C-alpha atoms as a PDB file:
ATOM      1  CA  MET A   1      -2.902   9.278  36.929  1.00  0.00           C
ATOM      2  CA  SER A   2      -1.070  10.851  39.802  1.00  0.00           C
ATOM      3  CA  GLY A   3      -1.125  14.579  40.422  1.00  0.00           C
ATOM      4  CA  ALA A   4      -3.913  16.644  38.896  1.00  0.00           C
ATOM      5  CA  GLY A   5      -6.025  16.034  35.822  1.00  0.00           C
ATOM      6  CA  ILE A   6      -9.332  16.788  34.153  1.00  0.00           C
ATOM      7  CA  ARG A   7     -11.714  14.652  32.173  1.00  0.00           C
ATOM      8  CA  THR A   8     -13.685  16.096  29.307  1.00  0.00           C
ATOM      9  CA  ASN A   9     -15.929  14.746  26.582  1.00  0.00           C
ATOM     10  CA  LEU A  10     -15.604  16.934  23.513  1.00  0.00           C
ATOM     11  CA  LEU A  11     -18.050  14.696  21.685  1.00  0.00           C
ATOM     12  CA  ALA A  12     -20.818  16.106  23.858  1.00  0.00           C
ATOM     13  CA  ASP A  13     -20.052  19.703  22.832  1.00  0.00           C
ATOM     14  CA  PRO A  14     -22.851  20.763  20.429  1.00  0.00           C
ATOM     15  CA  ARG A  15     -20.378  22.760  18.308  1.00  0.00           C
ATOM     16  CA  LEU A  16     -18.492  19.545  17.479  1.00  0.00           C
ATOM     17  CA  ALA A  17     -21.079  16.798  17.888  1.00  0.00           C
ATOM     18  CA  GLY A  18     -22.833  17.458  14.578  1.00  0.00           C
ATOM     19  CA  ARG A  19     -19.618  17.605  12.597  1.00  0.00           C
ATOM     20  CA  LEU A  20     -18.215  14.472  14.204  1.00  0.00           C
ATOM     21  CA  GLU A  21     -21.486  12.633  13.651  1.00  0.00           C
ATOM     22  CA  ARG A  22     -21.457  13.653   9.984  1.00  0.00           C
ATOM     23  CA  LEU A  23     -17.855  12.488   9.686  1.00  0.00           C
ATOM     24  CA  ALA A  24     -18.780   9.098  11.150  1.00  0.00           C
ATOM     25  CA  GLN A  25     -21.594   8.720   8.589  1.00  0.00           C
ATOM     26  CA  LEU A  26     -19.477   9.494   5.528  1.00  0.00           C
ATOM     27  CA  ASP A  27     -19.074   6.917   2.813  1.00  0.00           C
ATOM     28  CA  THR A  28     -15.295   6.487   2.641  1.00  0.00           C
ATOM     29  CA  THR A  29     -15.488   4.083  -0.314  1.00  0.00           C
ATOM     30  CA  PRO A  30     -14.320   6.739  -2.828  1.00  0.00           C
ATOM     31  CA  LEU A  31     -11.317   7.554  -0.627  1.00  0.00           C
ATOM     32  CA  LEU A  32     -10.469   3.876  -0.191  1.00  0.00           C
ATOM     33  CA  GLU A  33     -10.784   3.308  -3.951  1.00  0.00           C
ATOM     34  CA  ALA A  34      -8.400   6.228  -4.557  1.00  0.00           C
ATOM     35  CA  ILE A  35      -5.912   4.860  -2.030  1.00  0.00           C
ATOM     36  CA  GLY A  36      -6.126   1.395  -3.580  1.00  0.00           C
ATOM     37  CA  ALA A  37      -5.584   2.748  -7.091  1.00  0.00           C
ATOM     38  CA  GLU A  38      -2.617   4.845  -5.921  1.00  0.00           C
ATOM     39  CA  VAL A  39      -0.879   1.999  -4.082  1.00  0.00           C
ATOM     40  CA  GLU A  40      -1.607  -0.399  -6.952  1.00  0.00           C
ATOM     41  CA  SER A  41       0.064   2.075  -9.328  1.00  0.00           C
ATOM     42  CA  GLN A  42       3.030   2.512  -6.969  1.00  0.00           C
ATOM     43  CA  THR A  43       3.470  -1.265  -6.747  1.00  0.00           C
ATOM     44  CA  ARG A  44       3.344  -1.677 -10.517  1.00  0.00           C
ATOM     45  CA  ARG A  45       5.980   1.067 -10.881  1.00  0.00           C
ATOM     46  CA  ARG A  46       8.139  -0.672  -8.282  1.00  0.00           C
ATOM     47  CA  ILE A  47       7.998  -3.926 -10.286  1.00  0.00           C
ATOM     48  CA  ALA A  48       8.391  -2.456 -13.773  1.00  0.00           C
ATOM     49  CA  VAL A  49      10.799   0.418 -13.147  1.00  0.00           C
ATOM     50  CA  ASP A  50      12.273   0.839  -9.676  1.00  0.00           C
ATOM     51  CA  LYS A  51      13.197  -2.780  -8.847  1.00  0.00           C
ATOM     52  CA  THR A  52      13.350  -1.812  -5.161  1.00  0.00           C
ATOM     53  CA  SER A  53      11.513  -2.451  -1.914  1.00  0.00           C
ATOM     54  CA  PRO A  54       9.049   0.180  -0.684  1.00  0.00           C
ATOM     55  CA  ALA A  55      11.952   1.569   1.391  1.00  0.00           C
ATOM     56  CA  GLY A  56      14.022   2.009  -1.783  1.00  0.00           C
ATOM     57  CA  VAL A  57      16.371  -0.931  -1.147  1.00  0.00           C
ATOM     58  CA  PRO A  58      17.379  -2.536  -4.482  1.00  0.00           C
ATOM     59  CA  TRP A  59      16.216  -6.105  -4.940  1.00  0.00           C
ATOM     60  CA  PRO A  60      18.878  -8.826  -5.003  1.00  0.00           C
ATOM     61  CA  GLU A  61      19.825  -9.945  -8.511  1.00  0.00           C
ATOM     62  CA  TRP A  62      18.905 -13.410  -9.756  1.00  0.00           C
ATOM     63  CA  SER A  63      21.206 -16.247  -8.885  1.00  0.00           C
ATOM     64  CA  SER A  64      23.500 -17.133 -11.789  1.00  0.00           C
ATOM     65  CA  ASP A  65      21.733 -20.486 -12.254  1.00  0.00           C
ATOM     66  CA  TYR A  66      18.311 -18.846 -12.467  1.00  0.00           C
ATOM     67  CA  ALA A  67      19.578 -15.996 -14.665  1.00  0.00           C
ATOM     68  CA  ALA A  68      20.712 -18.605 -17.213  1.00  0.00           C
ATOM     69  CA  THR A  69      17.059 -19.698 -17.636  1.00  0.00           C
ATOM     70  CA  ARG A  70      15.749 -16.201 -18.419  1.00  0.00           C
ATOM     71  CA  HIS A  71      15.104 -14.878 -21.911  1.00  0.00           C
ATOM     72  CA  LYS A  72      16.477 -11.611 -23.231  1.00  0.00           C
ATOM     73  CA  GLY A  73      14.446  -8.632 -22.102  1.00  0.00           C
ATOM     74  CA  GLN A  74      13.147 -10.276 -18.938  1.00  0.00           C
ATOM     75  CA  SER A  75      13.943  -8.479 -15.720  1.00  0.00           C
ATOM     76  CA  LEU A  76      13.468  -9.079 -12.020  1.00  0.00           C
ATOM     77  CA  LEU A  77       9.880 -10.054 -11.155  1.00  0.00           C
ATOM     78  CA  GLU A  78       8.609  -9.392 -14.665  1.00  0.00           C
ATOM     79  CA  GLY A  79       9.108 -12.557 -16.721  1.00  0.00           C
ATOM     80  CA  GLU A  80       5.974 -12.820 -18.835  1.00  0.00           C
ATOM     81  CA  GLY A  81       4.248  -9.974 -16.950  1.00  0.00           C
ATOM     82  CA  HIS A  82       1.862 -12.127 -14.931  1.00  0.00           C
ATOM     83  CA  LEU A  83       2.881 -10.703 -11.546  1.00  0.00           C
ATOM     84  CA  LEU A  84       2.649  -7.125 -12.793  1.00  0.00           C
ATOM     85  CA  ASP A  85      -0.771  -7.801 -14.305  1.00  0.00           C
ATOM     86  CA  SER A  86      -2.003  -9.510 -11.132  1.00  0.00           C
ATOM     87  CA  ILE A  87      -1.575  -6.489  -8.834  1.00  0.00           C
ATOM     88  CA  THR A  88      -5.059  -5.362  -7.806  1.00  0.00           C
ATOM     89  CA  HIS A  89      -6.904  -3.630  -5.014  1.00  0.00           C
ATOM     90  CA  GLN A  90     -10.206  -4.378  -3.346  1.00  0.00           C
ATOM     91  CA  VAL A  91     -12.184  -2.276  -0.882  1.00  0.00           C
ATOM     92  CA  GLU A  92     -13.503  -4.366   2.017  1.00  0.00           C
ATOM     93  CA  GLY A  93     -15.611  -2.431   4.512  1.00  0.00           C
ATOM     94  CA  ASP A  94     -13.457   0.322   5.979  1.00  0.00           C
ATOM     95  CA  SER A  95     -10.155  -0.915   4.567  1.00  0.00           C
ATOM     96  CA  VAL A  96      -8.493  -1.604   1.242  1.00  0.00           C
ATOM     97  CA  LEU A  97      -6.479  -4.687   0.314  1.00  0.00           C
ATOM     98  CA  ILE A  98      -3.706  -4.320  -2.278  1.00  0.00           C
ATOM     99  CA  GLY A  99      -1.805  -7.332  -3.538  1.00  0.00           C
ATOM    100  CA  SER A 100      -1.663 -10.296  -5.870  1.00  0.00           C
ATOM    101  CA  PRO A 101      -3.458 -13.644  -5.742  1.00  0.00           C
ATOM    102  CA  LEU A 102      -0.416 -15.385  -7.220  1.00  0.00           C
ATOM    103  CA  VAL A 103       1.331 -17.753  -4.815  1.00  0.00           C
ATOM    104  CA  TYR A 104       4.752 -16.689  -6.006  1.00  0.00           C
ATOM    105  CA  ALA A 105       3.959 -13.067  -5.102  1.00  0.00           C
ATOM    106  CA  ALA A 106       4.230 -14.158  -1.470  1.00  0.00           C
ATOM    107  CA  THR A 107       7.442 -16.019  -2.257  1.00  0.00           C
ATOM    108  CA  HIS A 108       9.016 -12.798  -3.513  1.00  0.00           C
ATOM    109  CA  GLN A 109       7.450 -10.585  -0.841  1.00  0.00           C
ATOM    110  CA  PHE A 110       8.831 -12.699   2.009  1.00  0.00           C
ATOM    111  CA  GLY A 111      11.543 -14.815   0.360  1.00  0.00           C
ATOM    112  CA  ASP A 112      11.923 -18.581   0.637  1.00  0.00           C
ATOM    113  CA  LEU A 113      15.185 -19.632   2.245  1.00  0.00           C
ATOM    114  CA  GLU A 114      14.496 -23.352   1.738  1.00  0.00           C
ATOM    115  CA  ARG A 115      14.334 -22.799  -2.023  1.00  0.00           C
ATOM    116  CA  GLY A 116      17.135 -20.224  -2.078  1.00  0.00           C
ATOM    117  CA  ILE A 117      14.863 -17.365  -3.143  1.00  0.00           C
ATOM    118  CA  GLU A 118      15.807 -14.043  -1.620  1.00  0.00           C
ATOM    119  CA  GLN A 119      13.203 -11.543  -0.454  1.00  0.00           C
ATOM    120  CA  ARG A 120      12.184  -8.993  -3.062  1.00  0.00           C
ATOM    121  CA  GLU A 121       9.608  -6.967  -1.165  1.00  0.00           C
ATOM    122  CA  LEU A 122       7.155  -5.416  -3.598  1.00  0.00           C
ATOM    123  CA  LEU A 123       4.212  -4.485  -1.360  1.00  0.00           C
ATOM    124  CA  GLY A 124       4.297  -1.779   1.279  1.00  0.00           C
ATOM    125  CA  LEU A 125       4.095   1.924   1.989  1.00  0.00           C
ATOM    126  CA  GLU A 126       7.095   4.033   2.924  1.00  0.00           C
ATOM    127  CA  GLY A 127       8.753   7.311   1.985  1.00  0.00           C
ATOM    128  CA  ASP A 128       7.304   9.274  -0.927  1.00  0.00           C
ATOM    129  CA  ASP A 129       4.694   6.584  -1.611  1.00  0.00           C
ATOM    130  CA  LEU A 130       3.344   6.926   1.928  1.00  0.00           C
ATOM    131  CA  ASP A 131       3.440  10.721   1.612  1.00  0.00           C
ATOM    132  CA  ASP A 132       1.305  10.474  -1.538  1.00  0.00           C
ATOM    133  CA  VAL A 133      -1.319   8.376   0.255  1.00  0.00           C
ATOM    134  CA  VAL A 134      -1.340  10.711   3.273  1.00  0.00           C
ATOM    135  CA  GLY A 135      -1.856  13.565   0.792  1.00  0.00           C
ATOM    136  CA  LEU A 136      -4.922  11.797  -0.632  1.00  0.00           C
ATOM    137  CA  VAL A 137      -6.409  11.477   2.856  1.00  0.00           C
ATOM    138  CA  GLU A 138      -5.599  15.111   3.721  1.00  0.00           C
ATOM    139  CA  ASP A 139      -7.246  16.308   0.487  1.00  0.00           C
ATOM    140  CA  TYR A 140     -10.315  14.205   1.285  1.00  0.00           C
ATOM    141  CA  LEU A 141     -10.574  15.637   4.794  1.00  0.00           C
ATOM    142  CA  GLU A 142     -10.163  19.211   3.534  1.00  0.00           C
ATOM    143  CA  GLU A 143     -12.890  18.618   0.973  1.00  0.00           C
ATOM    144  CA  ILE A 144     -15.405  17.371   3.530  1.00  0.00           C
ATOM    145  CA  ALA A 145     -14.474  20.168   5.962  1.00  0.00           C
ATOM    146  CA  ARG A 146     -15.568  22.711   3.315  1.00  0.00           C
ATOM    147  CA  ASP A 147     -19.039  21.162   2.983  1.00  0.00           C
END
């Protein structure tokens, strides 16, 4: 750094050290479970109702050839409901994984140009969905600040 500057270690301040230490020791599993459940619900809504990417971009319609193979009542990414039913979340350490174990979930998430399958992004966090998750974290932090 050129010019003038200071270096400080707020972690050493006894007024903050205890609180920060307590924060570091918290079990965040309940928060991560809540985030996972929220994003899982958002993803299911996106598949069953919205038919859009996390950014709100409508998914491309089926090709005419593929549409001819569908039964009445089937809609984009729903078919027999296997993809919708496969959306799950799992807490792993200090993170949460939300997704589907189905191979074709990745095909839709990223598309497959070789097979002529357009991208229909179903997983992600943007806009109101992201705001909802940030709200969960803010509520969690406010709760522990009161203790």
